[in-house]
Amino acid sequence: MQACVSCGRPTDRPRRGRCPACYRRAQRGHAVAKPCAVCGIADLRVLRRHKLRDGFVVLCANHAAIAGRRTLTLTELRGECAPPGDRRAGAERRQADRRHVERRRAPAPTPPGGVERRATERRTKARSSRD
């Protein structure tokens, strides 16, 4: 068995060094020769061509979604996308920022006159285990 020169999968019927699927893709003109320009993923199922300010580049679905409809250059997109090791640190940082933000718009309600009306607790005796 030989390995396909495009995707690297083992094939027992190579045609011009490619597996049958890559050969058909190349004949139709749909071969994606490059991996994602940001992360380097070469899985054809998630790769797509995306228009950036620099022109068309091959991006994976995740980075194409991050680029969205904004006009970015490839270097700006690489700057926005953290490497895989830093994702957790960024997410934890954003979550910590959200925790410290006060969400209530109004202060906690106070009883009228500033004094609690109830003089004693509601239950005066302790509950038994049978109740």
N, C-alpha and C. Protein backbone atom coordinates (compact mmCIF):
# COMPACT_ATOMS: atom_id res chain seq x y z
N MET A 1 0.84 -1.19 0.00
CA MET A 1 0.00 0.00 0.00
C MET A 1 0.88 1.25 0.00
N GLN A 2 0.44 2.22 -0.75
CA GLN A 2 1.15 3.48 -0.81
C GLN A 2 0.32 4.56 -0.13
N ALA A 3 0.97 5.63 0.25
CA ALA A 3 0.27 6.76 0.85
C ALA A 3 -0.05 7.78 -0.23
N CYS A 4 -1.24 8.36 -0.13
CA CYS A 4 -1.66 9.40 -1.07
C CYS A 4 -0.79 10.64 -0.86
N VAL A 5 -0.36 11.27 -1.96
CA VAL A 5 0.48 12.45 -1.84
C VAL A 5 -0.31 13.68 -1.39
N SER A 6 -1.64 13.68 -1.56
CA SER A 6 -2.46 14.82 -1.16
C SER A 6 -2.90 14.74 0.29
N CYS A 7 -3.53 13.61 0.65
CA CYS A 7 -4.11 13.51 2.00
C CYS A 7 -3.31 12.60 2.94
N GLY A 8 -2.45 11.75 2.40
CA GLY A 8 -1.63 10.88 3.22
C GLY A 8 -2.28 9.57 3.62
N ARG A 9 -3.52 9.32 3.18
CA ARG A 9 -4.19 8.06 3.51
C ARG A 9 -3.58 6.92 2.70
N PRO A 10 -3.51 5.73 3.30
CA PRO A 10 -2.99 4.58 2.53
C PRO A 10 -4.00 4.16 1.46
N THR A 11 -3.49 3.87 0.29
CA THR A 11 -4.36 3.44 -0.81
C THR A 11 -3.72 2.27 -1.54
N ASP A 12 -4.56 1.36 -1.99
CA ASP A 12 -4.05 0.21 -2.74
C ASP A 12 -4.18 0.43 -4.25
N ARG A 13 -4.90 1.49 -4.66
CA ARG A 13 -5.06 1.80 -6.08
C ARG A 13 -4.66 3.26 -6.36
N PRO A 14 -3.39 3.60 -6.26
CA PRO A 14 -3.01 4.99 -6.49
C PRO A 14 -3.08 5.35 -7.98
N ARG A 15 -3.57 6.54 -8.26
CA ARG A 15 -3.58 7.07 -9.61
C ARG A 15 -2.81 8.38 -9.57
N ARG A 16 -1.66 8.39 -10.22
CA ARG A 16 -0.75 9.54 -10.20
C ARG A 16 -0.39 9.93 -8.77
N GLY A 17 -0.23 8.91 -7.93
CA GLY A 17 0.21 9.12 -6.55
C GLY A 17 -0.90 9.51 -5.59
N ARG A 18 -2.16 9.57 -6.07
CA ARG A 18 -3.27 9.98 -5.21
C ARG A 18 -4.25 8.84 -5.01
N CYS A 19 -4.99 8.92 -3.91
CA CYS A 19 -6.07 7.96 -3.68
C CYS A 19 -7.21 8.32 -4.64
N PRO A 20 -8.17 7.42 -4.86
CA PRO A 20 -9.25 7.71 -5.81
C PRO A 20 -10.05 8.98 -5.49
N ALA A 21 -10.30 9.24 -4.22
CA ALA A 21 -11.08 10.43 -3.86
C ALA A 21 -10.31 11.71 -4.21
N CYS A 22 -9.02 11.77 -3.87
CA CYS A 22 -8.23 12.96 -4.18
C CYS A 22 -8.02 13.12 -5.69
N TYR A 23 -7.90 12.01 -6.40
CA TYR A 23 -7.74 12.07 -7.84
C TYR A 23 -8.99 12.67 -8.49
N ARG A 24 -10.17 12.20 -8.05
CA ARG A 24 -11.43 12.75 -8.59
C ARG A 24 -11.58 14.23 -8.25
N ARG A 25 -11.23 14.59 -7.03
CA ARG A 25 -11.30 16.00 -6.62
C ARG A 25 -10.40 16.86 -7.49
N ALA A 26 -9.19 16.37 -7.77
CA ALA A 26 -8.24 17.13 -8.58
C ALA A 26 -8.75 17.25 -10.02
N GLN A 27 -9.37 16.19 -10.55
CA GLN A 27 -9.90 16.23 -11.91
C GLN A 27 -11.03 17.25 -12.04
N ARG A 28 -11.85 17.38 -10.99
CA ARG A 28 -12.96 18.34 -11.02
C ARG A 28 -12.51 19.76 -10.72
N GLY A 29 -11.29 19.92 -10.22
CA GLY A 29 -10.79 21.25 -9.89
C GLY A 29 -11.17 21.70 -8.49
N HIS A 30 -11.55 20.75 -7.62
CA HIS A 30 -11.96 21.09 -6.27
C HIS A 30 -10.94 20.68 -5.22
N ALA A 31 -9.75 20.37 -5.63
CA ALA A 31 -8.74 19.93 -4.67
C ALA A 31 -8.29 21.11 -3.81
N VAL A 32 -8.25 20.88 -2.53
CA VAL A 32 -7.73 21.89 -1.61
C VAL A 32 -6.32 21.47 -1.28
N ALA A 33 -5.37 22.22 -1.81
CA ALA A 33 -3.99 21.81 -1.68
C ALA A 33 -3.35 22.31 -0.40
N LYS A 34 -3.93 23.33 0.24
CA LYS A 34 -3.30 23.93 1.39
C LYS A 34 -4.09 23.66 2.67
N PRO A 35 -3.42 23.59 3.80
CA PRO A 35 -4.14 23.49 5.08
C PRO A 35 -4.62 24.87 5.52
N CYS A 36 -5.29 24.93 6.66
CA CYS A 36 -5.77 26.20 7.21
C CYS A 36 -4.58 27.14 7.40
N ALA A 37 -4.74 28.38 6.98
CA ALA A 37 -3.65 29.34 7.04
C ALA A 37 -3.32 29.78 8.47
N VAL A 38 -4.24 29.53 9.43
CA VAL A 38 -4.01 29.95 10.80
C VAL A 38 -3.51 28.80 11.66
N CYS A 39 -4.23 27.67 11.64
CA CYS A 39 -3.89 26.58 12.57
C CYS A 39 -3.22 25.38 11.89
N GLY A 40 -3.30 25.27 10.58
CA GLY A 40 -2.63 24.18 9.89
C GLY A 40 -3.42 22.89 9.78
N ILE A 41 -4.71 22.89 10.12
CA ILE A 41 -5.53 21.69 9.98
C ILE A 41 -5.70 21.38 8.50
N ALA A 42 -5.50 20.11 8.13
CA ALA A 42 -5.58 19.73 6.73
C ALA A 42 -6.77 18.82 6.44
N ASP A 43 -7.73 18.75 7.32
CA ASP A 43 -8.90 17.89 7.12
C ASP A 43 -9.83 18.55 6.11
N LEU A 44 -10.04 17.89 4.98
CA LEU A 44 -10.82 18.48 3.90
C LEU A 44 -12.28 18.73 4.27
N ARG A 45 -12.78 18.01 5.27
CA ARG A 45 -14.20 18.18 5.65
C ARG A 45 -14.46 19.52 6.30
N VAL A 46 -13.45 20.15 6.90
CA VAL A 46 -13.67 21.41 7.61
C VAL A 46 -13.01 22.61 6.93
N LEU A 47 -12.33 22.39 5.81
CA LEU A 47 -11.65 23.49 5.14
C LEU A 47 -12.57 24.19 4.15
N ARG A 48 -12.43 25.51 4.06
CA ARG A 48 -13.19 26.29 3.08
C ARG A 48 -12.37 27.52 2.70
N ARG A 49 -12.68 28.03 1.54
CA ARG A 49 -12.01 29.26 1.09
C ARG A 49 -12.77 30.45 1.65
N HIS A 50 -12.04 31.41 2.19
CA HIS A 50 -12.67 32.57 2.80
C HIS A 50 -12.00 33.83 2.27
N LYS A 51 -12.80 34.86 2.03
CA LYS A 51 -12.25 36.09 1.50
C LYS A 51 -11.83 37.01 2.64
N LEU A 52 -10.56 37.34 2.68
CA LEU A 52 -10.02 38.32 3.61
C LEU A 52 -9.58 39.54 2.80
N ARG A 53 -9.08 40.53 3.49
CA ARG A 53 -8.62 41.73 2.79
C ARG A 53 -7.44 41.42 1.87
N ASP A 54 -6.65 40.39 2.23
CA ASP A 54 -5.49 40.00 1.41
C ASP A 54 -5.89 39.24 0.16
N GLY A 55 -7.11 38.73 0.11
CA GLY A 55 -7.57 37.89 -0.98
C GLY A 55 -8.19 36.62 -0.40
N PHE A 56 -8.35 35.61 -1.21
CA PHE A 56 -8.93 34.36 -0.75
C PHE A 56 -7.86 33.49 -0.10
N VAL A 57 -8.15 32.94 1.07
CA VAL A 57 -7.25 32.02 1.76
C VAL A 57 -8.06 30.82 2.23
N VAL A 58 -7.38 29.72 2.47
CA VAL A 58 -8.03 28.52 2.97
C VAL A 58 -8.05 28.59 4.50
N LEU A 59 -9.24 28.49 5.10
CA LEU A 59 -9.40 28.51 6.55
C LEU A 59 -10.26 27.33 6.97
N CYS A 60 -10.05 26.88 8.20
CA CYS A 60 -10.94 25.86 8.75
C CYS A 60 -12.25 26.55 9.14
N ALA A 61 -13.26 25.77 9.46
CA ALA A 61 -14.58 26.32 9.78
C ALA A 61 -14.52 27.23 10.99
N ASN A 62 -13.71 26.89 11.99
CA ASN A 62 -13.62 27.72 13.20
C ASN A 62 -13.05 29.11 12.88
N HIS A 63 -11.97 29.16 12.14
CA HIS A 63 -11.36 30.45 11.86
C HIS A 63 -12.16 31.24 10.83
N ALA A 64 -12.86 30.56 9.94
CA ALA A 64 -13.75 31.26 9.01
C ALA A 64 -14.90 31.91 9.78
N ALA A 65 -15.39 31.24 10.82
CA ALA A 65 -16.45 31.82 11.64
C ALA A 65 -15.95 33.00 12.44
N ILE A 66 -14.72 32.94 12.92
CA ILE A 66 -14.16 34.06 13.67
C ILE A 66 -13.97 35.26 12.73
N ALA A 67 -13.51 35.01 11.51
CA ALA A 67 -13.33 36.10 10.56
C ALA A 67 -14.68 36.69 10.17
N GLY A 68 -15.68 35.83 10.02
CA GLY A 68 -17.03 36.29 9.72
C GLY A 68 -17.07 37.20 8.52
N ARG A 69 -17.83 38.27 8.65
CA ARG A 69 -17.96 39.23 7.55
C ARG A 69 -17.06 40.44 7.74
N ARG A 70 -16.23 40.42 8.77
CA ARG A 70 -15.31 41.54 8.99
C ARG A 70 -14.20 41.52 7.96
N THR A 71 -13.68 42.67 7.64
CA THR A 71 -12.57 42.74 6.70
C THR A 71 -11.28 42.75 7.49
N LEU A 72 -10.63 41.61 7.54
CA LEU A 72 -9.37 41.46 8.27
C LEU A 72 -8.29 41.01 7.30
N THR A 73 -7.06 41.28 7.67
CA THR A 73 -5.94 40.67 6.96
C THR A 73 -5.61 39.36 7.66
N LEU A 74 -4.78 38.57 7.04
CA LEU A 74 -4.41 37.29 7.63
C LEU A 74 -3.63 37.48 8.92
N THR A 75 -2.76 38.49 8.97
CA THR A 75 -1.99 38.73 10.20
C THR A 75 -2.90 39.20 11.34
N GLU A 76 -3.93 40.01 11.03
CA GLU A 76 -4.88 40.43 12.08
C GLU A 76 -5.67 39.23 12.59
N LEU A 77 -6.06 38.33 11.69
CA LEU A 77 -6.81 37.14 12.10
C LEU A 77 -5.94 36.23 12.97
N ARG A 78 -4.67 36.08 12.59
CA ARG A 78 -3.77 35.27 13.41
C ARG A 78 -3.57 35.89 14.78
N GLY A 79 -3.56 37.21 14.85
CA GLY A 79 -3.43 37.88 16.14
C GLY A 79 -4.65 37.69 17.03
N GLU A 80 -5.85 37.65 16.43
CA GLU A 80 -7.07 37.45 17.20
C GLU A 80 -7.22 36.02 17.69
N CYS A 81 -6.75 35.08 16.91
CA CYS A 81 -6.92 33.66 17.24
C CYS A 81 -5.75 33.20 18.09
N ALA A 82 -6.05 32.85 19.33
CA ALA A 82 -5.00 32.40 20.24
C ALA A 82 -4.60 30.97 19.87
N PRO A 83 -3.36 30.60 20.10
CA PRO A 83 -2.97 29.21 19.88
C PRO A 83 -3.72 28.30 20.83
N PRO A 84 -3.84 27.01 20.50
CA PRO A 84 -4.65 26.10 21.31
C PRO A 84 -4.31 26.07 22.79
N GLY A 85 -3.07 26.29 23.17
CA GLY A 85 -2.71 26.24 24.58
C GLY A 85 -3.25 27.42 25.38
N ASP A 86 -3.51 28.54 24.73
CA ASP A 86 -3.94 29.75 25.43
C ASP A 86 -5.45 29.92 25.50
N ARG A 87 -6.22 29.03 24.88
CA ARG A 87 -7.67 29.20 24.86
C ARG A 87 -8.27 29.18 26.26
N ARG A 88 -7.83 28.26 27.08
CA ARG A 88 -8.40 28.16 28.43
C ARG A 88 -8.08 29.40 29.25
N ALA A 89 -6.87 29.91 29.12
CA ALA A 89 -6.49 31.09 29.88
C ALA A 89 -7.37 32.28 29.50
N GLY A 90 -7.64 32.44 28.20
CA GLY A 90 -8.48 33.54 27.77
C GLY A 90 -9.91 33.38 28.24
N ALA A 91 -10.43 32.14 28.18
CA ALA A 91 -11.80 31.90 28.61
C ALA A 91 -11.94 32.11 30.11
N GLU A 92 -10.96 31.64 30.85
CA GLU A 92 -11.01 31.85 32.31
C GLU A 92 -10.93 33.32 32.65
N ARG A 93 -10.13 34.06 31.90
CA ARG A 93 -10.00 35.48 32.15
C ARG A 93 -11.32 36.19 31.89
N ARG A 94 -11.98 35.86 30.80
CA ARG A 94 -13.27 36.49 30.49
C ARG A 94 -14.32 36.11 31.52
N GLN A 95 -14.31 34.85 31.96
CA GLN A 95 -15.29 34.40 32.94
C GLN A 95 -15.05 35.09 34.29
N ALA A 96 -13.81 35.27 34.67
CA ALA A 96 -13.50 35.95 35.92
C ALA A 96 -13.96 37.40 35.86
N ASP A 97 -13.81 38.04 34.70
CA ASP A 97 -14.28 39.41 34.56
C ASP A 97 -15.79 39.49 34.74
N ARG A 98 -16.51 38.50 34.21
CA ARG A 98 -17.97 38.50 34.33
C ARG A 98 -18.42 38.29 35.76
N ARG A 99 -17.67 37.50 36.52
CA ARG A 99 -18.07 37.22 37.90
C ARG A 99 -18.01 38.47 38.77
N HIS A 100 -17.07 39.35 38.49
CA HIS A 100 -16.88 40.52 39.34
C HIS A 100 -17.80 41.69 38.97
N VAL A 101 -18.52 41.55 37.90
CA VAL A 101 -19.42 42.62 37.49
C VAL A 101 -20.72 42.50 38.28
N GLU A 102 -21.17 43.60 38.85
CA GLU A 102 -22.42 43.60 39.60
C GLU A 102 -23.56 43.63 38.60
N ARG A 103 -24.44 42.64 38.65
CA ARG A 103 -25.51 42.53 37.68
C ARG A 103 -26.80 43.22 38.13
N ARG A 104 -26.95 43.39 39.43
CA ARG A 104 -28.20 43.99 39.90
C ARG A 104 -28.21 45.48 39.59
N ARG A 105 -29.34 45.93 39.11
CA ARG A 105 -29.46 47.35 38.77
C ARG A 105 -29.82 48.18 39.99
N ALA A 106 -30.67 47.62 40.83
CA ALA A 106 -31.12 48.35 42.01
C ALA A 106 -30.54 47.70 43.26
N PRO A 107 -30.36 48.47 44.33
CA PRO A 107 -29.87 47.86 45.57
C PRO A 107 -30.92 46.93 46.17
N ALA A 108 -30.50 46.09 47.10
CA ALA A 108 -31.42 45.16 47.76
C ALA A 108 -32.50 45.94 48.50
N PRO A 109 -33.74 45.46 48.47
CA PRO A 109 -34.82 46.20 49.12
C PRO A 109 -34.65 46.21 50.64
N THR A 110 -34.99 47.32 51.23
CA THR A 110 -34.96 47.44 52.69
C THR A 110 -36.40 47.55 53.19
N PRO A 111 -36.67 47.08 54.40
CA PRO A 111 -38.04 47.19 54.92
C PRO A 111 -38.41 48.65 55.15
N PRO A 112 -39.72 48.96 55.11
CA PRO A 112 -40.12 50.35 55.31
C PRO A 112 -39.71 50.85 56.69
N GLY A 113 -39.17 51.99 56.75
CA GLY A 113 -38.70 52.55 58.01
C GLY A 113 -37.35 52.04 58.41
N GLY A 114 -36.79 51.09 57.66
CA GLY A 114 -35.47 50.55 57.95
C GLY A 114 -35.45 49.54 59.08
N VAL A 115 -36.62 49.14 59.60
CA VAL A 115 -36.68 48.21 60.73
C VAL A 115 -37.47 46.99 60.31
N GLU A 116 -37.00 45.82 60.70
CA GLU A 116 -37.72 44.58 60.43
C GLU A 116 -38.97 44.53 61.29
N ARG A 117 -40.11 44.19 60.70
CA ARG A 117 -41.38 44.18 61.45
C ARG A 117 -41.50 42.97 62.36
N ARG A 118 -40.96 41.85 61.95
CA ARG A 118 -41.12 40.63 62.72
C ARG A 118 -40.19 40.69 63.92
N ALA A 119 -40.74 40.56 65.12
CA ALA A 119 -39.94 40.65 66.34
C ALA A 119 -39.24 39.34 66.64
N THR A 120 -39.90 38.22 66.41
CA THR A 120 -39.30 36.91 66.69
C THR A 120 -39.28 36.09 65.41
N GLU A 121 -38.61 34.97 65.47
CA GLU A 121 -38.58 34.08 64.32
C GLU A 121 -39.95 33.42 64.15
N ARG A 122 -40.24 32.91 63.00
CA ARG A 122 -41.54 32.29 62.75
C ARG A 122 -41.74 31.04 63.58
N ARG A 123 -40.74 30.20 63.65
CA ARG A 123 -40.86 28.97 64.42
C ARG A 123 -40.23 29.21 65.78
N THR A 124 -41.03 29.05 66.80
CA THR A 124 -40.52 29.31 68.15
C THR A 124 -39.89 28.08 68.76
N LYS A 125 -40.39 26.91 68.43
CA LYS A 125 -39.78 25.70 68.97
C LYS A 125 -39.13 24.90 67.85
N ALA A 126 -38.16 24.12 68.20
CA ALA A 126 -37.44 23.31 67.24
C ALA A 126 -38.34 22.20 66.71
N ARG A 127 -38.16 21.87 65.46
CA ARG A 127 -38.98 20.82 64.86
C ARG A 127 -38.46 19.46 65.27
N SER A 128 -39.37 18.55 65.51
CA SER A 128 -38.96 17.18 65.84
C SER A 128 -38.77 16.40 64.55
N SER A 129 -38.20 15.22 64.66
CA SER A 129 -37.93 14.42 63.47
C SER A 129 -39.20 13.83 62.89
N ARG A 130 -40.33 13.82 63.64
CA ARG A 130 -41.58 13.25 63.14
C ARG A 130 -42.37 14.23 62.29
N ASP A 131 -42.11 15.50 62.41
CA ASP A 131 -42.91 16.51 61.66
C ASP A 131 -42.59 16.49 60.21
